[in-house]
N, C-alpha and C. Protein backbone atom coordinates (compact mmCIF):
# COMPACT_ATOMS: atom_id res chain seq x y z
N MET A 1 65.05 -142.89 -38.33
CA MET A 1 64.60 -141.98 -39.36
C MET A 1 63.32 -142.52 -39.98
N ASP A 2 62.36 -141.66 -40.15
CA ASP A 2 61.06 -142.05 -40.71
C ASP A 2 61.18 -142.16 -42.22
N THR A 3 60.80 -143.30 -42.78
CA THR A 3 60.90 -143.51 -44.21
C THR A 3 59.55 -143.41 -44.90
N SER A 4 58.54 -142.99 -44.19
CA SER A 4 57.22 -142.87 -44.82
C SER A 4 57.22 -141.73 -45.82
N GLN A 5 56.41 -141.91 -46.85
CA GLN A 5 56.35 -140.90 -47.90
C GLN A 5 55.11 -140.04 -47.72
N PHE A 6 55.14 -138.93 -48.40
CA PHE A 6 54.00 -138.02 -48.40
C PHE A 6 52.78 -138.70 -49.00
N LYS A 7 51.63 -138.53 -48.36
CA LYS A 7 50.38 -139.12 -48.84
C LYS A 7 49.49 -138.00 -49.34
N PHE A 8 49.24 -137.99 -50.65
CA PHE A 8 48.33 -137.02 -51.25
C PHE A 8 46.90 -137.41 -50.88
N ASP A 9 46.23 -136.56 -50.13
CA ASP A 9 44.89 -136.84 -49.63
C ASP A 9 43.85 -136.21 -50.55
N GLN A 10 43.62 -136.86 -51.69
CA GLN A 10 42.70 -136.31 -52.67
C GLN A 10 41.28 -136.22 -52.12
N ALA A 11 40.84 -137.24 -51.42
CA ALA A 11 39.48 -137.22 -50.88
C ALA A 11 39.31 -136.11 -49.84
N GLY A 12 40.29 -135.93 -48.98
CA GLY A 12 40.20 -134.89 -47.96
C GLY A 12 40.25 -133.50 -48.57
N ILE A 13 41.09 -133.31 -49.58
CA ILE A 13 41.17 -132.00 -50.23
C ILE A 13 39.88 -131.70 -50.98
N MET A 14 39.32 -132.69 -51.66
CA MET A 14 38.07 -132.47 -52.39
C MET A 14 36.91 -132.17 -51.44
N LYS A 15 36.94 -132.78 -50.27
CA LYS A 15 35.89 -132.54 -49.29
C LYS A 15 36.01 -131.14 -48.68
N ALA A 16 37.24 -130.69 -48.47
CA ALA A 16 37.47 -129.39 -47.83
C ALA A 16 37.48 -128.23 -48.81
N ALA A 17 37.68 -128.49 -50.09
CA ALA A 17 37.95 -127.42 -51.06
C ALA A 17 36.81 -126.45 -51.35
N PRO A 18 35.55 -126.85 -51.41
CA PRO A 18 34.54 -125.91 -51.92
C PRO A 18 34.47 -124.56 -51.19
N ILE A 19 34.45 -124.56 -49.89
CA ILE A 19 34.30 -123.29 -49.15
C ILE A 19 35.50 -122.37 -49.37
N PRO A 20 36.75 -122.82 -49.16
CA PRO A 20 37.87 -121.90 -49.39
C PRO A 20 38.00 -121.45 -50.84
N VAL A 21 37.69 -122.32 -51.80
CA VAL A 21 37.79 -121.93 -53.20
C VAL A 21 36.76 -120.85 -53.53
N ILE A 22 35.57 -120.97 -52.98
CA ILE A 22 34.54 -119.94 -53.19
C ILE A 22 34.99 -118.63 -52.57
N VAL A 23 35.57 -118.68 -51.38
CA VAL A 23 36.08 -117.45 -50.74
C VAL A 23 37.16 -116.82 -51.61
N GLY A 24 38.09 -117.63 -52.12
CA GLY A 24 39.14 -117.11 -52.98
C GLY A 24 38.59 -116.53 -54.27
N ALA A 25 37.62 -117.20 -54.86
CA ALA A 25 37.03 -116.71 -56.11
C ALA A 25 36.29 -115.39 -55.90
N ILE A 26 35.57 -115.28 -54.80
CA ILE A 26 34.88 -114.02 -54.50
C ILE A 26 35.91 -112.91 -54.29
N GLY A 27 36.99 -113.22 -53.58
CA GLY A 27 38.05 -112.23 -53.39
C GLY A 27 38.64 -111.76 -54.71
N GLY A 28 38.88 -112.69 -55.62
CA GLY A 28 39.40 -112.33 -56.94
C GLY A 28 38.42 -111.50 -57.73
N ALA A 29 37.13 -111.81 -57.61
CA ALA A 29 36.10 -111.06 -58.34
C ALA A 29 35.94 -109.64 -57.80
N LEU A 30 36.35 -109.39 -56.58
CA LEU A 30 36.23 -108.04 -56.02
C LEU A 30 37.13 -107.02 -56.71
N TRP A 31 38.10 -107.49 -57.51
CA TRP A 31 38.96 -106.57 -58.24
C TRP A 31 38.20 -105.79 -59.31
N ILE A 32 36.96 -106.16 -59.57
CA ILE A 32 36.18 -105.48 -60.60
C ILE A 32 35.85 -104.04 -60.21
N SER A 33 35.80 -103.74 -58.92
CA SER A 33 35.44 -102.41 -58.45
C SER A 33 36.63 -101.78 -57.72
N VAL A 34 36.97 -100.57 -58.12
CA VAL A 34 38.12 -99.87 -57.53
C VAL A 34 37.96 -99.72 -56.01
N GLY A 35 36.76 -99.48 -55.55
CA GLY A 35 36.52 -99.29 -54.12
C GLY A 35 36.75 -100.53 -53.28
N LEU A 36 36.81 -101.69 -53.91
CA LEU A 36 36.96 -102.95 -53.17
C LEU A 36 38.36 -103.55 -53.31
N TRP A 37 39.30 -102.83 -53.90
CA TRP A 37 40.64 -103.38 -54.11
C TRP A 37 41.34 -103.69 -52.81
N GLY A 38 41.14 -102.89 -51.79
CA GLY A 38 41.78 -103.16 -50.50
C GLY A 38 41.30 -104.46 -49.90
N ILE A 39 40.00 -104.66 -49.92
CA ILE A 39 39.42 -105.90 -49.38
C ILE A 39 39.88 -107.09 -50.23
N ALA A 40 39.91 -106.91 -51.55
CA ALA A 40 40.33 -107.99 -52.44
C ALA A 40 41.78 -108.39 -52.15
N GLY A 41 42.63 -107.43 -51.91
CA GLY A 41 44.02 -107.74 -51.59
C GLY A 41 44.17 -108.49 -50.28
N ILE A 42 43.40 -108.08 -49.28
CA ILE A 42 43.44 -108.78 -47.99
C ILE A 42 42.95 -110.21 -48.14
N ILE A 43 41.86 -110.39 -48.87
CA ILE A 43 41.34 -111.75 -49.09
C ILE A 43 42.36 -112.59 -49.85
N GLY A 44 43.10 -111.97 -50.76
CA GLY A 44 44.13 -112.70 -51.50
C GLY A 44 45.19 -113.27 -50.60
N TRP A 45 45.49 -112.62 -49.49
CA TRP A 45 46.48 -113.14 -48.54
C TRP A 45 45.86 -114.10 -47.54
N VAL A 46 44.64 -113.82 -47.12
CA VAL A 46 44.03 -114.61 -46.04
C VAL A 46 43.38 -115.90 -46.55
N ALA A 47 42.82 -115.89 -47.75
CA ALA A 47 42.07 -117.06 -48.24
C ALA A 47 42.93 -118.33 -48.32
N PRO A 48 44.17 -118.30 -48.82
CA PRO A 48 44.96 -119.55 -48.81
C PRO A 48 45.27 -120.06 -47.40
N ILE A 49 45.50 -119.14 -46.47
CA ILE A 49 45.72 -119.56 -45.08
C ILE A 49 44.46 -120.22 -44.54
N PHE A 50 43.32 -119.61 -44.84
CA PHE A 50 42.03 -120.19 -44.46
C PHE A 50 41.86 -121.57 -45.09
N GLY A 51 42.34 -121.75 -46.32
CA GLY A 51 42.24 -123.05 -46.97
C GLY A 51 42.98 -124.13 -46.19
N GLY A 52 44.18 -123.82 -45.72
CA GLY A 52 44.94 -124.79 -44.92
C GLY A 52 44.27 -125.11 -43.60
N VAL A 53 43.74 -124.08 -42.95
CA VAL A 53 43.03 -124.30 -41.68
C VAL A 53 41.77 -125.11 -41.92
N TRP A 54 41.03 -124.77 -42.97
CA TRP A 54 39.77 -125.47 -43.26
C TRP A 54 40.04 -126.93 -43.60
N TYR A 55 41.13 -127.22 -44.28
CA TYR A 55 41.49 -128.61 -44.58
C TYR A 55 41.67 -129.40 -43.29
N MET A 56 42.42 -128.84 -42.36
CA MET A 56 42.65 -129.53 -41.09
C MET A 56 41.37 -129.66 -40.28
N MET A 57 40.55 -128.62 -40.28
CA MET A 57 39.28 -128.69 -39.54
C MET A 57 38.37 -129.78 -40.12
N THR A 58 38.32 -129.87 -41.44
CA THR A 58 37.49 -130.88 -42.09
C THR A 58 37.98 -132.28 -41.77
N LEU A 59 39.30 -132.48 -41.81
CA LEU A 59 39.84 -133.80 -41.46
C LEU A 59 39.57 -134.14 -40.00
N ARG A 60 39.69 -133.15 -39.16
CA ARG A 60 39.48 -133.39 -37.72
C ARG A 60 38.05 -133.81 -37.44
N LYS A 61 37.09 -133.25 -38.18
CA LYS A 61 35.69 -133.63 -38.02
C LYS A 61 35.45 -135.09 -38.39
N THR A 62 36.24 -135.62 -39.32
CA THR A 62 36.09 -137.02 -39.72
C THR A 62 36.81 -137.97 -38.76
N GLY A 63 37.55 -137.41 -37.81
CA GLY A 63 38.26 -138.24 -36.84
C GLY A 63 39.70 -138.49 -37.22
N GLU A 64 40.14 -138.01 -38.36
CA GLU A 64 41.54 -138.18 -38.77
C GLU A 64 42.37 -137.01 -38.28
N MET A 65 43.63 -137.27 -38.03
CA MET A 65 44.59 -136.21 -37.79
C MET A 65 45.92 -136.68 -38.35
N PRO A 66 46.23 -136.25 -39.59
CA PRO A 66 47.46 -136.73 -40.22
C PRO A 66 48.71 -136.20 -39.52
N ASP A 67 49.84 -136.82 -39.84
CA ASP A 67 51.09 -136.34 -39.25
C ASP A 67 51.45 -134.97 -39.82
N GLN A 68 52.49 -134.38 -39.26
CA GLN A 68 52.82 -132.99 -39.59
C GLN A 68 53.17 -132.81 -41.07
N MET A 69 53.94 -133.71 -41.64
CA MET A 69 54.35 -133.56 -43.04
C MET A 69 53.16 -133.63 -43.98
N ASN A 70 52.28 -134.58 -43.77
CA ASN A 70 51.09 -134.68 -44.62
C ASN A 70 50.17 -133.49 -44.43
N SER A 71 50.09 -132.96 -43.22
CA SER A 71 49.28 -131.78 -42.97
C SER A 71 49.81 -130.59 -43.75
N LEU A 72 51.13 -130.37 -43.67
CA LEU A 72 51.74 -129.25 -44.38
C LEU A 72 51.59 -129.40 -45.89
N SER A 73 51.84 -130.57 -46.41
CA SER A 73 51.81 -130.78 -47.86
C SER A 73 50.40 -130.62 -48.42
N ASN A 74 49.45 -131.26 -47.80
CA ASN A 74 48.07 -131.17 -48.30
C ASN A 74 47.47 -129.79 -48.05
N GLY A 75 47.84 -129.15 -46.95
CA GLY A 75 47.41 -127.77 -46.72
C GLY A 75 47.99 -126.84 -47.77
N ALA A 76 49.24 -127.08 -48.17
CA ALA A 76 49.87 -126.28 -49.22
C ALA A 76 49.17 -126.49 -50.56
N ILE A 77 48.78 -127.72 -50.84
CA ILE A 77 48.08 -127.98 -52.10
C ILE A 77 46.75 -127.23 -52.13
N LEU A 78 45.99 -127.31 -51.04
CA LEU A 78 44.71 -126.61 -51.01
C LEU A 78 44.91 -125.09 -51.03
N GLY A 79 45.92 -124.58 -50.35
CA GLY A 79 46.22 -123.16 -50.40
C GLY A 79 46.57 -122.70 -51.80
N GLY A 80 47.31 -123.51 -52.53
CA GLY A 80 47.62 -123.19 -53.92
C GLY A 80 46.40 -123.19 -54.80
N ILE A 81 45.49 -124.13 -54.57
CA ILE A 81 44.25 -124.18 -55.35
C ILE A 81 43.40 -122.93 -55.08
N VAL A 82 43.31 -122.54 -53.83
CA VAL A 82 42.55 -121.34 -53.47
C VAL A 82 43.18 -120.11 -54.12
N ALA A 83 44.50 -120.01 -54.07
CA ALA A 83 45.18 -118.87 -54.69
C ALA A 83 45.00 -118.88 -56.21
N LEU A 84 44.93 -120.05 -56.81
CA LEU A 84 44.70 -120.14 -58.25
C LEU A 84 43.31 -119.62 -58.60
N ALA A 85 42.30 -120.00 -57.82
CA ALA A 85 40.95 -119.48 -58.06
C ALA A 85 40.92 -117.97 -57.91
N TYR A 86 41.56 -117.46 -56.87
CA TYR A 86 41.65 -116.01 -56.66
C TYR A 86 42.35 -115.33 -57.83
N GLY A 87 43.48 -115.88 -58.25
CA GLY A 87 44.27 -115.27 -59.31
C GLY A 87 43.57 -115.26 -60.66
N ILE A 88 42.89 -116.34 -60.99
CA ILE A 88 42.18 -116.40 -62.27
C ILE A 88 41.06 -115.37 -62.29
N LEU A 89 40.29 -115.28 -61.22
CA LEU A 89 39.21 -114.29 -61.18
C LEU A 89 39.77 -112.87 -61.18
N ALA A 90 40.87 -112.64 -60.47
CA ALA A 90 41.49 -111.32 -60.48
C ALA A 90 42.00 -110.98 -61.88
N LEU A 91 42.56 -111.95 -62.57
CA LEU A 91 43.06 -111.74 -63.92
C LEU A 91 41.92 -111.38 -64.88
N LEU A 92 40.77 -112.01 -64.68
CA LEU A 92 39.64 -111.77 -65.58
C LEU A 92 38.89 -110.47 -65.26
N THR A 93 38.84 -110.08 -63.99
CA THR A 93 37.99 -108.94 -63.62
C THR A 93 38.74 -107.65 -63.37
N SER A 94 40.02 -107.69 -63.19
CA SER A 94 40.77 -106.49 -62.82
C SER A 94 40.95 -105.55 -64.00
N PRO A 95 40.65 -104.27 -63.79
CA PRO A 95 40.89 -103.30 -64.86
C PRO A 95 42.36 -102.87 -64.93
N ILE A 96 43.18 -103.26 -63.95
CA ILE A 96 44.60 -102.92 -64.01
C ILE A 96 45.37 -104.12 -64.55
N GLY A 97 46.64 -103.99 -64.70
CA GLY A 97 47.46 -104.98 -65.39
C GLY A 97 47.85 -106.20 -64.60
N PHE A 98 46.96 -107.12 -64.34
CA PHE A 98 47.34 -108.42 -63.79
C PHE A 98 47.86 -109.27 -64.94
N SER A 99 48.83 -110.11 -64.65
CA SER A 99 49.37 -110.99 -65.69
C SER A 99 49.39 -112.42 -65.18
N ILE A 100 49.71 -113.33 -66.08
CA ILE A 100 49.80 -114.74 -65.69
C ILE A 100 50.94 -114.95 -64.70
N THR A 101 51.95 -114.11 -64.76
CA THR A 101 53.05 -114.18 -63.80
C THR A 101 52.55 -113.90 -62.39
N ASP A 102 51.62 -112.94 -62.26
CA ASP A 102 51.03 -112.65 -60.96
C ASP A 102 50.25 -113.84 -60.43
N VAL A 103 49.58 -114.54 -61.32
CA VAL A 103 48.81 -115.73 -60.90
C VAL A 103 49.76 -116.83 -60.42
N ILE A 104 50.83 -117.07 -61.16
CA ILE A 104 51.79 -118.11 -60.77
C ILE A 104 52.45 -117.76 -59.44
N THR A 105 52.84 -116.51 -59.28
CA THR A 105 53.43 -116.07 -58.01
C THR A 105 52.43 -116.23 -56.88
N GLY A 106 51.17 -115.88 -57.15
CA GLY A 106 50.13 -116.04 -56.13
C GLY A 106 49.92 -117.48 -55.73
N VAL A 107 50.00 -118.40 -56.68
CA VAL A 107 49.85 -119.82 -56.36
C VAL A 107 50.99 -120.28 -55.46
N LEU A 108 52.20 -119.84 -55.75
CA LEU A 108 53.34 -120.23 -54.90
C LEU A 108 53.19 -119.68 -53.48
N PHE A 109 52.85 -118.42 -53.38
CA PHE A 109 52.65 -117.84 -52.05
C PHE A 109 51.40 -118.41 -51.38
N GLY A 110 50.39 -118.76 -52.17
CA GLY A 110 49.20 -119.40 -51.60
C GLY A 110 49.52 -120.77 -51.01
N ALA A 111 50.42 -121.50 -51.67
CA ALA A 111 50.84 -122.80 -51.14
C ALA A 111 51.56 -122.62 -49.81
N ILE A 112 52.39 -121.59 -49.72
CA ILE A 112 53.07 -121.32 -48.44
C ILE A 112 52.04 -120.95 -47.37
N GLY A 113 51.06 -120.12 -47.75
CA GLY A 113 50.02 -119.74 -46.80
C GLY A 113 49.18 -120.92 -46.34
N GLY A 114 48.84 -121.82 -47.28
CA GLY A 114 48.07 -123.01 -46.91
C GLY A 114 48.83 -123.90 -45.96
N ALA A 115 50.14 -124.04 -46.19
CA ALA A 115 50.97 -124.84 -45.29
C ALA A 115 51.03 -124.20 -43.91
N ILE A 116 51.15 -122.88 -43.87
CA ILE A 116 51.18 -122.18 -42.57
C ILE A 116 49.86 -122.35 -41.83
N GLY A 117 48.75 -122.23 -42.55
CA GLY A 117 47.44 -122.41 -41.91
C GLY A 117 47.25 -123.81 -41.36
N ALA A 118 47.64 -124.82 -42.15
CA ALA A 118 47.51 -126.21 -41.69
C ALA A 118 48.41 -126.47 -40.49
N PHE A 119 49.65 -125.96 -40.55
CA PHE A 119 50.58 -126.14 -39.44
C PHE A 119 50.04 -125.46 -38.17
N GLY A 120 49.55 -124.24 -38.32
CA GLY A 120 49.06 -123.51 -37.16
C GLY A 120 47.90 -124.21 -36.49
N TYR A 121 46.96 -124.71 -37.29
CA TYR A 121 45.81 -125.41 -36.71
C TYR A 121 46.25 -126.71 -36.05
N LYS A 122 47.13 -127.46 -36.71
CA LYS A 122 47.60 -128.72 -36.11
C LYS A 122 48.36 -128.45 -34.82
N TYR A 123 49.17 -127.42 -34.80
CA TYR A 123 49.91 -127.06 -33.58
C TYR A 123 48.96 -126.70 -32.46
N MET A 124 47.92 -125.92 -32.77
CA MET A 124 46.96 -125.53 -31.73
C MET A 124 46.21 -126.75 -31.17
N VAL A 125 45.88 -127.70 -32.03
CA VAL A 125 45.21 -128.92 -31.56
C VAL A 125 46.17 -129.75 -30.72
N ASP A 126 47.38 -129.94 -31.20
CA ASP A 126 48.36 -130.76 -30.48
C ASP A 126 48.74 -130.17 -29.13
N SER A 127 48.77 -128.84 -29.05
CA SER A 127 49.13 -128.22 -27.78
C SER A 127 47.96 -128.11 -26.80
N GLY A 128 46.76 -128.46 -27.27
CA GLY A 128 45.60 -128.45 -26.39
C GLY A 128 44.85 -127.13 -26.35
N ASN A 129 45.23 -126.17 -27.18
CA ASN A 129 44.53 -124.89 -27.19
C ASN A 129 43.18 -124.96 -27.88
N ILE A 130 43.01 -125.94 -28.78
CA ILE A 130 41.72 -126.22 -29.43
C ILE A 130 41.34 -127.62 -29.04
N SER A 131 40.19 -127.75 -28.45
CA SER A 131 39.79 -129.11 -28.01
C SER A 131 38.68 -129.66 -28.86
């Protein structure tokens, strides 16, 4: 049984965070216009997944490839951060009733999406589909 603990990769998350957070923030800001609500909703689901994938891609460029548990955990953290940026901007710009509960729920689902994105990218690399 593996007794290693989860390693919070603050440096890797900080290096990978700017692009996905900007994408999430732009998605949240799109709630300002009624005609863009559909795109804003799609970005709200896709941006945290992109955050997890981007985290793994950034680490891979540095030559690191963490184990599966660290990939999932750190991808989930970045996905949650991206969802938080999206939710705060949506809360501020939306003319309809967004609440803090929606932001909290979004962060939880964003963490799940980030973990899925990180897992998917790591699986594709490990199986040889991405070289």
